[in-house]
PDB file of N, CA and C in Angstrom:
ATOM      1  N   MET A   1     -31.826  24.342  38.883  1.00  0.00           N
ATOM      2  CA  MET A   1     -31.259  25.114  37.796  1.00  0.00           C
ATOM      3  C   MET A   1     -29.742  25.026  37.811  1.00  0.00           C
ATOM      4  N   LYS A   2     -29.193  24.972  38.995  1.00  0.00           N
ATOM      5  CA  LYS A   2     -27.740  24.864  39.098  1.00  0.00           C
ATOM      6  C   LYS A   2     -27.251  23.580  38.418  1.00  0.00           C
ATOM      7  N   SER A   3     -27.935  22.469  38.650  1.00  0.00           N
ATOM      8  CA  SER A   3     -27.567  21.201  38.025  1.00  0.00           C
ATOM      9  C   SER A   3     -27.766  21.244  36.520  1.00  0.00           C
ATOM     10  N   LEU A   4     -28.888  21.819  36.075  1.00  0.00           N
ATOM     11  CA  LEU A   4     -29.131  21.927  34.634  1.00  0.00           C
ATOM     12  C   LEU A   4     -28.075  22.783  33.963  1.00  0.00           C
ATOM     13  N   LYS A   5     -27.692  23.851  34.623  1.00  0.00           N
ATOM     14  CA  LYS A   5     -26.692  24.767  34.058  1.00  0.00           C
ATOM     15  C   LYS A   5     -25.374  24.050  33.782  1.00  0.00           C
ATOM     16  N   THR A   6     -24.991  23.129  34.655  1.00  0.00           N
ATOM     17  CA  THR A   6     -23.723  22.420  34.463  1.00  0.00           C
ATOM     18  C   THR A   6     -23.855  21.212  33.550  1.00  0.00           C
ATOM     19  N   THR A   7     -25.093  20.777  33.287  1.00  0.00           N
ATOM     20  CA  THR A   7     -25.316  19.555  32.524  1.00  0.00           C
ATOM     21  C   THR A   7     -25.646  19.805  31.057  1.00  0.00           C
ATOM     22  N   LEU A   8     -26.460  20.806  30.772  1.00  0.00           N
ATOM     23  CA  LEU A   8     -26.932  21.035  29.401  1.00  0.00           C
ATOM     24  C   LEU A   8     -25.863  21.717  28.557  1.00  0.00           C
ATOM     25  N   PRO A   9     -25.878  21.464  27.238  1.00  0.00           N
ATOM     26  CA  PRO A   9     -24.813  21.956  26.361  1.00  0.00           C
ATOM     27  C   PRO A   9     -24.980  23.386  25.862  1.00  0.00           C
ATOM     28  N   TYR A  10     -25.723  24.227  26.574  1.00  0.00           N
ATOM     29  CA  TYR A  10     -25.846  25.626  26.197  1.00  0.00           C
ATOM     30  C   TYR A  10     -25.984  26.474  27.453  1.00  0.00           C
ATOM     31  N   ASN A  11     -25.852  27.761  27.288  1.00  0.00           N
ATOM     32  CA  ASN A  11     -25.890  28.672  28.432  1.00  0.00           C
ATOM     33  C   ASN A  11     -27.285  28.791  29.018  1.00  0.00           C
ATOM     34  N   ILE A  12     -27.346  28.777  30.339  1.00  0.00           N
ATOM     35  CA  ILE A  12     -28.581  29.031  31.063  1.00  0.00           C
ATOM     36  C   ILE A  12     -28.264  30.119  32.079  1.00  0.00           C
ATOM     37  N   ARG A  13     -29.058  31.172  32.041  1.00  0.00           N
ATOM     38  CA  ARG A  13     -28.946  32.227  33.049  1.00  0.00           C
ATOM     39  C   ARG A  13     -30.234  32.212  33.854  1.00  0.00           C
ATOM     40  N   TYR A  14     -30.114  32.426  35.143  1.00  0.00           N
ATOM     41  CA  TYR A  14     -31.307  32.486  35.979  1.00  0.00           C
ATOM     42  C   TYR A  14     -31.052  33.372  37.174  1.00  0.00           C
ATOM     43  N   ALA A  15     -32.120  33.990  37.630  1.00  0.00           N
ATOM     44  CA  ALA A  15     -32.026  34.857  38.806  1.00  0.00           C
ATOM     45  C   ALA A  15     -32.003  33.984  40.044  1.00  0.00           C
ATOM     46  N   LYS A  16     -31.189  34.349  40.977  1.00  0.00           N
ATOM     47  CA  LYS A  16     -31.112  33.619  42.241  1.00  0.00           C
ATOM     48  C   LYS A  16     -31.911  34.399  43.263  1.00  0.00           C
ATOM     49  N   SER A  17     -33.125  33.950  43.501  1.00  0.00           N
ATOM     50  CA  SER A  17     -33.972  34.627  44.479  1.00  0.00           C
ATOM     51  C   SER A  17     -34.439  33.610  45.502  1.00  0.00           C
ATOM     52  N   GLY A  18     -34.872  34.100  46.653  1.00  0.00           N
ATOM     53  CA  GLY A  18     -35.346  33.217  47.714  1.00  0.00           C
ATOM     54  C   GLY A  18     -36.445  32.299  47.259  1.00  0.00           C
ATOM     55  N   ASP A  19     -37.338  32.828  46.424  1.00  0.00           N
ATOM     56  CA  ASP A  19     -38.454  32.046  45.914  1.00  0.00           C
ATOM     57  C   ASP A  19     -37.958  30.845  45.107  1.00  0.00           C
ATOM     58  N   LEU A  20     -37.034  31.084  44.189  1.00  0.00           N
ATOM     59  CA  LEU A  20     -36.508  29.995  43.364  1.00  0.00           C
ATOM     60  C   LEU A  20     -35.554  29.116  44.164  1.00  0.00           C
ATOM     61  N   GLU A  21     -34.736  29.725  45.008  1.00  0.00           N
ATOM     62  CA  GLU A  21     -33.775  28.975  45.805  1.00  0.00           C
ATOM     63  C   GLU A  21     -34.450  27.977  46.741  1.00  0.00           C
ATOM     64  N   SER A  22     -35.661  28.289  47.190  1.00  0.00           N
ATOM     65  CA  SER A  22     -36.353  27.398  48.119  1.00  0.00           C
ATOM     66  C   SER A  22     -37.175  26.322  47.401  1.00  0.00           C
ATOM     67  N   THR A  23     -37.258  26.378  46.086  1.00  0.00           N
ATOM     68  CA  THR A  23     -38.002  25.390  45.309  1.00  0.00           C
ATOM     69  C   THR A  23     -37.114  24.185  45.033  1.00  0.00           C
ATOM     70  N   LYS A  24     -37.593  23.027  45.400  1.00  0.00           N
ATOM     71  CA  LYS A  24     -36.837  21.788  45.172  1.00  0.00           C
ATOM     72  C   LYS A  24     -37.576  20.920  44.174  1.00  0.00           C
ATOM     73  N   LEU A  25     -36.846  20.348  43.249  1.00  0.00           N
ATOM     74  CA  LEU A  25     -37.396  19.457  42.241  1.00  0.00           C
ATOM     75  C   LEU A  25     -36.421  18.306  42.065  1.00  0.00           C
ATOM     76  N   VAL A  26     -36.901  17.096  42.246  1.00  0.00           N
ATOM     77  CA  VAL A  26     -36.059  15.917  42.090  1.00  0.00           C
ATOM     78  C   VAL A  26     -36.394  15.274  40.747  1.00  0.00           C
ATOM     79  N   ILE A  27     -35.389  15.126  39.913  1.00  0.00           N
ATOM     80  CA  ILE A  27     -35.531  14.477  38.606  1.00  0.00           C
ATOM     81  C   ILE A  27     -34.878  13.108  38.721  1.00  0.00           C
ATOM     82  N   THR A  28     -35.655  12.066  38.514  1.00  0.00           N
ATOM     83  CA  THR A  28     -35.127  10.713  38.672  1.00  0.00           C
ATOM     84  C   THR A  28     -34.810  10.033  37.342  1.00  0.00           C
ATOM     85  N   ASP A  29     -35.311  10.565  36.233  1.00  0.00           N
ATOM     86  CA  ASP A  29     -35.075   9.980  34.920  1.00  0.00           C
ATOM     87  C   ASP A  29     -34.029  10.801  34.177  1.00  0.00           C
ATOM     88  N   ALA A  30     -32.828  10.282  34.072  1.00  0.00           N
ATOM     89  CA  ALA A  30     -31.728  11.006  33.422  1.00  0.00           C
ATOM     90  C   ALA A  30     -31.940  11.149  31.914  1.00  0.00           C
ATOM     91  N   GLY A  31     -32.891  10.412  31.347  1.00  0.00           N
ATOM     92  CA  GLY A  31     -33.120  10.445  29.910  1.00  0.00           C
ATOM     93  C   GLY A  31     -34.203  11.421  29.465  1.00  0.00           C
ATOM     94  N   LEU A  32     -34.685  12.275  30.366  1.00  0.00           N
ATOM     95  CA  LEU A  32     -35.726  13.226  29.990  1.00  0.00           C
ATOM     96  C   LEU A  32     -35.208  14.235  28.980  1.00  0.00           C
ATOM     97  N   SER A  33     -36.082  14.655  28.084  1.00  0.00           N
ATOM     98  CA  SER A  33     -35.699  15.695  27.127  1.00  0.00           C
ATOM     99  C   SER A  33     -35.608  17.033  27.848  1.00  0.00           C
ATOM    100  N   THR A  34     -34.903  17.964  27.240  1.00  0.00           N
ATOM    101  CA  THR A  34     -34.802  19.305  27.792  1.00  0.00           C
ATOM    102  C   THR A  34     -36.182  19.936  27.883  1.00  0.00           C
ATOM    103  N   ASP A  35     -37.018  19.677  26.920  1.00  0.00           N
ATOM    104  CA  ASP A  35     -38.380  20.198  26.919  1.00  0.00           C
ATOM    105  C   ASP A  35     -39.138  19.746  28.169  1.00  0.00           C
ATOM    106  N   VAL A  36     -39.088  18.473  28.483  1.00  0.00           N
ATOM    107  CA  VAL A  36     -39.768  17.942  29.669  1.00  0.00           C
ATOM    108  C   VAL A  36     -39.153  18.514  30.939  1.00  0.00           C
ATOM    109  N   LEU A  37     -37.846  18.641  30.963  1.00  0.00           N
ATOM    110  CA  LEU A  37     -37.176  19.234  32.131  1.00  0.00           C
ATOM    111  C   LEU A  37     -37.646  20.666  32.375  1.00  0.00           C
ATOM    112  N   PHE A  38     -37.681  21.484  31.319  1.00  0.00           N
ATOM    113  CA  PHE A  38     -38.102  22.870  31.484  1.00  0.00           C
ATOM    114  C   PHE A  38     -39.575  22.972  31.856  1.00  0.00           C
ATOM    115  N   LYS A  39     -40.400  22.088  31.328  1.00  0.00           N
ATOM    116  CA  LYS A  39     -41.810  22.077  31.740  1.00  0.00           C
ATOM    117  C   LYS A  39     -41.910  21.749  33.229  1.00  0.00           C
ATOM    118  N   SER A  40     -41.128  20.794  33.689  1.00  0.00           N
ATOM    119  CA  SER A  40     -41.145  20.402  35.101  1.00  0.00           C
ATOM    120  C   SER A  40     -40.648  21.528  35.999  1.00  0.00           C
ATOM    121  N   VAL A  41     -39.559  22.180  35.597  1.00  0.00           N
ATOM    122  CA  VAL A  41     -39.015  23.280  36.387  1.00  0.00           C
ATOM    123  C   VAL A  41     -40.025  24.426  36.450  1.00  0.00           C
ATOM    124  N   SER A  42     -40.620  24.766  35.320  1.00  0.00           N
ATOM    125  CA  SER A  42     -41.572  25.883  35.323  1.00  0.00           C
ATOM    126  C   SER A  42     -42.834  25.541  36.109  1.00  0.00           C
ATOM    127  N   ALA A  43     -43.213  24.279  36.161  1.00  0.00           N
ATOM    128  CA  ALA A  43     -44.375  23.862  36.963  1.00  0.00           C
ATOM    129  C   ALA A  43     -44.062  23.946  38.453  1.00  0.00           C
ATOM    130  N   ALA A  44     -42.819  23.651  38.828  1.00  0.00           N
ATOM    131  CA  ALA A  44     -42.430  23.666  40.249  1.00  0.00           C
ATOM    132  C   ALA A  44     -42.234  25.081  40.778  1.00  0.00           C
ATOM    133  N   ALA A  45     -41.860  26.015  39.905  1.00  0.00           N
ATOM    134  CA  ALA A  45     -41.630  27.401  40.319  1.00  0.00           C
ATOM    135  C   ALA A  45     -42.970  28.130  40.471  1.00  0.00           C
ATOM    136  N   SER A  46     -42.952  29.249  41.157  1.00  0.00           N
ATOM    137  CA  SER A  46     -44.181  30.041  41.297  1.00  0.00           C
ATOM    138  C   SER A  46     -44.580  30.641  39.952  1.00  0.00           C
ATOM    139  N   ASP A  47     -45.809  31.111  39.859  1.00  0.00           N
ATOM    140  CA  ASP A  47     -46.337  31.674  38.611  1.00  0.00           C
ATOM    141  C   ASP A  47     -45.625  32.943  38.163  1.00  0.00           C
ATOM    142  N   ARG A  48     -44.805  33.519  39.013  1.00  0.00           N
ATOM    143  CA  ARG A  48     -44.069  34.737  38.639  1.00  0.00           C
ATOM    144  C   ARG A  48     -42.886  34.429  37.726  1.00  0.00           C
ATOM    145  N   TRP A  49     -42.484  33.170  37.639  1.00  0.00           N
ATOM    146  CA  TRP A  49     -41.295  32.783  36.882  1.00  0.00           C
ATOM    147  C   TRP A  49     -41.665  32.296  35.488  1.00  0.00           C
ATOM    148  N   GLN A  50     -40.739  32.518  34.555  1.00  0.00           N
ATOM    149  CA  GLN A  50     -40.851  31.914  33.238  1.00  0.00           C
ATOM    150  C   GLN A  50     -39.458  31.550  32.753  1.00  0.00           C
ATOM    151  N   ILE A  51     -39.407  30.531  31.945  1.00  0.00           N
ATOM    152  CA  ILE A  51     -38.171  30.130  31.276  1.00  0.00           C
ATOM    153  C   ILE A  51     -38.335  30.558  29.829  1.00  0.00           C
ATOM    154  N   THR A  52     -37.334  31.249  29.301  1.00  0.00           N
ATOM    155  CA  THR A  52     -37.411  31.781  27.945  1.00  0.00           C
ATOM    156  C   THR A  52     -36.256  31.236  27.120  1.00  0.00           C
ATOM    157  N   ALA A  53     -36.590  30.615  25.975  1.00  0.00           N
ATOM    158  CA  ALA A  53     -35.570  30.116  25.050  1.00  0.00           C
ATOM    159  C   ALA A  53     -35.271  31.207  24.032  1.00  0.00           C
ATOM    160  N   LEU A  54     -34.031  31.660  24.051  1.00  0.00           N
ATOM    161  CA  LEU A  54     -33.560  32.689  23.132  1.00  0.00           C
ATOM    162  C   LEU A  54     -32.549  32.052  22.179  1.00  0.00           C
ATOM    163  N   GLY A  55     -32.034  32.784  21.242  1.00  0.00           N
ATOM    164  CA  GLY A  55     -31.072  32.243  20.288  1.00  0.00           C
ATOM    165  C   GLY A  55     -29.802  31.738  20.946  1.00  0.00           C
ATOM    166  N   GLY A  56     -29.711  30.438  21.195  1.00  0.00           N
ATOM    167  CA  GLY A  56     -28.506  29.832  21.729  1.00  0.00           C
ATOM    168  C   GLY A  56     -28.399  29.766  23.240  1.00  0.00           C
ATOM    169  N   TYR A  57     -29.348  30.334  23.961  1.00  0.00           N
ATOM    170  CA  TYR A  57     -29.299  30.245  25.424  1.00  0.00           C
ATOM    171  C   TYR A  57     -30.699  30.363  26.008  1.00  0.00           C
ATOM    172  N   VAL A  58     -30.790  30.073  27.292  1.00  0.00           N
ATOM    173  CA  VAL A  58     -32.062  30.063  28.005  1.00  0.00           C
ATOM    174  C   VAL A  58     -31.930  30.943  29.239  1.00  0.00           C
ATOM    175  N   VAL A  59     -32.993  31.687  29.560  1.00  0.00           N
ATOM    176  CA  VAL A  59     -33.018  32.476  30.786  1.00  0.00           C
ATOM    177  C   VAL A  59     -34.234  32.095  31.606  1.00  0.00           C
ATOM    178  N   MET A  60     -34.091  32.180  32.922  1.00  0.00           N
ATOM    179  CA  MET A  60     -35.223  31.987  33.823  1.00  0.00           C
ATOM    180  C   MET A  60     -35.240  33.150  34.793  1.00  0.00           C
ATOM    181  N   TYR A  61     -36.260  33.979  34.633  1.00  0.00           N
ATOM    182  CA  TYR A  61     -36.388  35.165  35.464  1.00  0.00           C
ATOM    183  C   TYR A  61     -37.797  35.262  36.026  1.00  0.00           C
ATOM    184  N   GLU A  62     -37.905  36.020  37.055  1.00  0.00           N
ATOM    185  CA  GLU A  62     -39.174  36.260  37.713  1.00  0.00           C
ATOM    186  C   GLU A  62     -39.845  37.448  37.011  1.00  0.00           C
ATOM    187  N   ASP A  63     -40.213  37.242  35.723  1.00  0.00           N
ATOM    188  CA  ASP A  63     -40.784  38.327  34.927  1.00  0.00           C
ATOM    189  C   ASP A  63     -41.957  37.879  34.064  1.00  0.00           C
ATOM    190  N   ASN A  64     -42.619  36.808  34.466  1.00  0.00           N
ATOM    191  CA  ASN A  64     -43.782  36.319  33.733  1.00  0.00           C
ATOM    192  C   ASN A  64     -44.888  37.360  33.776  1.00  0.00           C
ATOM    193  N   PRO A  65     -45.491  37.758  32.700  1.00  0.00           N
ATOM    194  CA  PRO A  65     -45.429  37.259  31.328  1.00  0.00           C
ATOM    195  C   PRO A  65     -44.663  38.162  30.358  1.00  0.00           C
ATOM    196  N   THR A  66     -43.446  38.519  30.617  1.00  0.00           N
ATOM    197  CA  THR A  66     -42.660  39.356  29.717  1.00  0.00           C
ATOM    198  C   THR A  66     -42.444  38.646  28.384  1.00  0.00           C
ATOM    199  N   GLU A  67     -42.555  39.392  27.309  1.00  0.00           N
ATOM    200  CA  GLU A  67     -42.294  38.879  25.965  1.00  0.00           C
ATOM    201  C   GLU A  67     -40.972  39.461  25.474  1.00  0.00           C
ATOM    202  N   TYR A  68     -40.118  38.617  24.915  1.00  0.00           N
ATOM    203  CA  TYR A  68     -38.827  39.044  24.379  1.00  0.00           C
ATOM    204  C   TYR A  68     -38.878  38.975  22.857  1.00  0.00           C
ATOM    205  N   ALA A  69     -38.346  39.986  22.191  1.00  0.00           N
ATOM    206  CA  ALA A  69     -38.383  40.040  20.729  1.00  0.00           C
ATOM    207  C   ALA A  69     -37.654  38.864  20.086  1.00  0.00           C
ATOM    208  N   SER A  70     -36.648  38.323  20.750  1.00  0.00           N
ATOM    209  CA  SER A  70     -35.857  37.245  20.155  1.00  0.00           C
ATOM    210  C   SER A  70     -36.207  35.864  20.714  1.00  0.00           C
ATOM    211  N   ALA A  71     -37.294  35.750  21.460  1.00  0.00           N
ATOM    212  CA  ALA A  71     -37.658  34.463  22.081  1.00  0.00           C
ATOM    213  C   ALA A  71     -38.320  33.519  21.084  1.00  0.00           C
ATOM    214  N   SER A  72     -37.917  32.247  21.164  1.00  0.00           N
ATOM    215  CA  SER A  72     -38.547  31.212  20.352  1.00  0.00           C
ATOM    216  C   SER A  72     -39.739  30.588  21.071  1.00  0.00           C
ATOM    217  N   TRP A  73     -39.615  30.441  22.391  1.00  0.00           N
ATOM    218  CA  TRP A  73     -40.716  29.929  23.198  1.00  0.00           C
ATOM    219  C   TRP A  73     -40.479  30.202  24.668  1.00  0.00           C
ATOM    220  N   TYR A  74     -41.551  30.016  25.430  1.00  0.00           N
ATOM    221  CA  TYR A  74     -41.543  30.266  26.868  1.00  0.00           C
ATOM    222  C   TYR A  74     -42.098  29.038  27.577  1.00  0.00           C
ATOM    223  N   TYR A  75     -41.621  28.789  28.770  1.00  0.00           N
ATOM    224  CA  TYR A  75     -42.186  27.768  29.655  1.00  0.00           C
ATOM    225  C   TYR A  75     -42.772  28.513  30.842  1.00  0.00           C
ATOM    226  N   ARG A  76     -44.074  28.374  31.020  1.00  0.00           N
ATOM    227  CA  ARG A  76     -44.784  29.076  32.096  1.00  0.00           C
ATOM    228  C   ARG A  76     -45.745  28.098  32.757  1.00  0.00           C
ATOM    229  N   GLY A  77     -45.583  27.896  34.052  1.00  0.00           N
ATOM    230  CA  GLY A  77     -46.508  27.038  34.787  1.00  0.00           C
ATOM    231  C   GLY A  77     -46.626  25.630  34.249  1.00  0.00           C
ATOM    232  N   GLY A  78     -45.532  25.085  33.733  1.00  0.00           N
ATOM    233  CA  GLY A  78     -45.536  23.727  33.207  1.00  0.00           C
ATOM    234  C   GLY A  78     -46.020  23.599  31.773  1.00  0.00           C
ATOM    235  N   GLU A  79     -46.321  24.716  31.150  1.00  0.00           N
ATOM    236  CA  GLU A  79     -46.804  24.728  29.767  1.00  0.00           C
ATOM    237  C   GLU A  79     -45.801  25.441  28.874  1.00  0.00           C
ATOM    238  N   ILE A  80     -45.865  25.130  27.588  1.00  0.00           N
ATOM    239  CA  ILE A  80     -45.003  25.816  26.625  1.00  0.00           C
ATOM    240  C   ILE A  80     -45.848  26.791  25.816  1.00  0.00           C
ATOM    241  N   VAL A  81     -45.308  27.983  25.616  1.00  0.00           N
ATOM    242  CA  VAL A  81     -45.958  29.011  24.815  1.00  0.00           C
ATOM    243  C   VAL A  81     -44.988  29.357  23.694  1.00  0.00           C
ATOM    244  N   HIS A  82     -45.414  29.169  22.456  1.00  0.00           N
ATOM    245  CA  HIS A  82     -44.535  29.444  21.320  1.00  0.00           C
ATOM    246  C   HIS A  82     -44.491  30.933  21.022  1.00  0.00           C
ATOM    247  N   GLY A  83     -43.315  31.399  20.703  1.00  0.00           N
ATOM    248  CA  GLY A  83     -43.116  32.775  20.274  1.00  0.00           C
ATOM    249  C   GLY A  83     -42.503  32.753  18.890  1.00  0.00           C
ATOM    250  N   VAL A  84     -42.528  33.867  18.215  1.00  0.00           N
ATOM    251  CA  VAL A  84     -41.869  33.987  16.916  1.00  0.00           C
ATOM    252  C   VAL A  84     -40.855  35.119  17.040  1.00  0.00           C
ATOM    253  N   PRO A  85     -39.571  34.771  16.991  1.00  0.00           N
ATOM    254  CA  PRO A  85     -38.547  35.812  17.096  1.00  0.00           C
ATOM    255  C   PRO A  85     -38.727  36.870  16.015  1.00  0.00           C
ATOM    256  N   ARG A  86     -38.475  38.108  16.368  1.00  0.00           N
ATOM    257  CA  ARG A  86     -38.661  39.217  15.436  1.00  0.00           C
ATOM    258  C   ARG A  86     -37.888  38.996  14.143  1.00  0.00           C
ATOM    259  N   PHE A  87     -36.709  38.419  14.222  1.00  0.00           N
ATOM    260  CA  PHE A  87     -35.886  38.186  13.043  1.00  0.00           C
ATOM    261  C   PHE A  87     -35.812  36.702  12.721  1.00  0.00           C
ATOM    262  N   ALA A  88     -36.940  35.999  12.854  1.00  0.00           N
ATOM    263  CA  ALA A  88     -36.986  34.556  12.649  1.00  0.00           C
ATOM    264  C   ALA A  88     -36.846  34.200  11.176  1.00  0.00           C
ATOM    265  N   THR A  89     -36.223  33.045  10.934  1.00  0.00           N
ATOM    266  CA  THR A  89     -36.175  32.500   9.591  1.00  0.00           C
ATOM    267  C   THR A  89     -37.519  31.831   9.314  1.00  0.00           C
ATOM    268  N   GLU A  90     -37.771  31.438   8.071  1.00  0.00           N
ATOM    269  CA  GLU A  90     -39.029  30.762   7.751  1.00  0.00           C
ATOM    270  C   GLU A  90     -39.176  29.470   8.538  1.00  0.00           C
ATOM    271  N   ASP A  91     -38.067  28.723   8.745  1.00  0.00           N
ATOM    272  CA  ASP A  91     -38.116  27.483   9.519  1.00  0.00           C
ATOM    273  C   ASP A  91     -38.501  27.755  10.964  1.00  0.00           C
ATOM    274  N   GLU A  92     -37.946  28.817  11.556  1.00  0.00           N
ATOM    275  CA  GLU A  92     -38.258  29.157  12.946  1.00  0.00           C
ATOM    276  C   GLU A  92     -39.717  29.577  13.093  1.00  0.00           C
ATOM    277  N   GLU A  93     -40.237  30.326  12.107  1.00  0.00           N
ATOM    278  CA  GLU A  93     -41.630  30.736  12.160  1.00  0.00           C
ATOM    279  C   GLU A  93     -42.558  29.532  12.098  1.00  0.00           C
ATOM    280  N   ALA A  94     -42.119  28.465  11.427  1.00  0.00           N
ATOM    281  CA  ALA A  94     -42.910  27.245  11.336  1.00  0.00           C
ATOM    282  C   ALA A  94     -42.714  26.365  12.564  1.00  0.00           C
ATOM    283  N   GLY A  95     -41.891  26.809  13.508  1.00  0.00           N
ATOM    284  CA  GLY A  95     -41.646  26.024  14.718  1.00  0.00           C
ATOM    285  C   GLY A  95     -40.628  24.928  14.518  1.00  0.00           C
ATOM    286  N   ASP A  96     -39.726  25.103  13.523  1.00  0.00           N
ATOM    287  CA  ASP A  96     -38.799  24.046  13.175  1.00  0.00           C
ATOM    288  C   ASP A  96     -37.354  24.509  13.240  1.00  0.00           C
ATOM    289  N   GLY A  97     -37.038  25.500  14.083  1.00  0.00           N
ATOM    290  CA  GLY A  97     -35.676  26.010  14.038  1.00  0.00           C
ATOM    291  C   GLY A  97     -34.963  25.968  15.361  1.00  0.00           C
ATOM    292  N   GLY A  98     -33.652  26.041  15.270  1.00  0.00           N
ATOM    293  CA  GLY A  98     -32.834  26.174  16.478  1.00  0.00           C
ATOM    294  C   GLY A  98     -32.500  24.865  17.133  1.00  0.00           C
ATOM    295  N   SER A  99     -31.440  24.871  17.923  1.00  0.00           N
ATOM    296  CA  SER A  99     -30.999  23.664  18.601  1.00  0.00           C
ATOM    297  C   SER A  99     -31.747  23.410  19.898  1.00  0.00           C
ATOM    298  N   LEU A 100     -32.556  24.375  20.332  1.00  0.00           N
ATOM    299  CA  LEU A 100     -33.309  24.214  21.576  1.00  0.00           C
ATOM    300  C   LEU A 100     -34.759  23.854  21.272  1.00  0.00           C
ATOM    301  N   THR A 101     -34.962  23.007  20.266  1.00  0.00           N
ATOM    302  CA  THR A 101     -36.302  22.656  19.833  1.00  0.00           C
ATOM    303  C   THR A 101     -37.058  21.902  20.904  1.00  0.00           C
ATOM    304  N   PRO A 102     -38.292  22.336  21.257  1.00  0.00           N
ATOM    305  CA  PRO A 102     -39.080  21.593  22.233  1.00  0.00           C
ATOM    306  C   PRO A 102     -39.271  20.155  21.788  1.00  0.00           C
ATOM    307  N   GLY A 103     -39.184  19.261  22.724  1.00  0.00           N
ATOM    308  CA  GLY A 103     -39.307  17.843  22.439  1.00  0.00           C
ATOM    309  C   GLY A 103     -37.966  17.206  22.122  1.00  0.00           C
ATOM    310  N   GLY A 104     -36.952  18.034  21.901  1.00  0.00           N
ATOM    311  CA  GLY A 104     -35.605  17.523  21.607  1.00  0.00           C
ATOM    312  C   GLY A 104     -34.779  17.465  22.866  1.00  0.00           C
ATOM    313  N   SER A 105     -33.487  17.321  22.671  1.00  0.00           N
ATOM    314  CA  SER A 105     -32.606  17.252  23.838  1.00  0.00           C
ATOM    315  C   SER A 105     -31.890  18.548  24.069  1.00  0.00           C
TER     316      SER A 105
END
């Protein structure tokens, strides 16, 4: 997460806990999409963790399965779960909004 935080073009917040700190993940393909990276990170972390994409930033906390009113999607256990932000535009409700689109960069 530390490397992703310095590399990706948006804010990432994450809790620093022993569980996450002891998890190691080696990414060898520099061309992976952000979506694939987050799926990989969430698969490597314990089931207590989730990555949540919010408007303009991402958080990773040990609060699975918490739902956030402004979340567009969640990464849990290597899978993506789509959410609909409470104040979503029609494009976002259709899964077509925001710069953190799954499958994109």
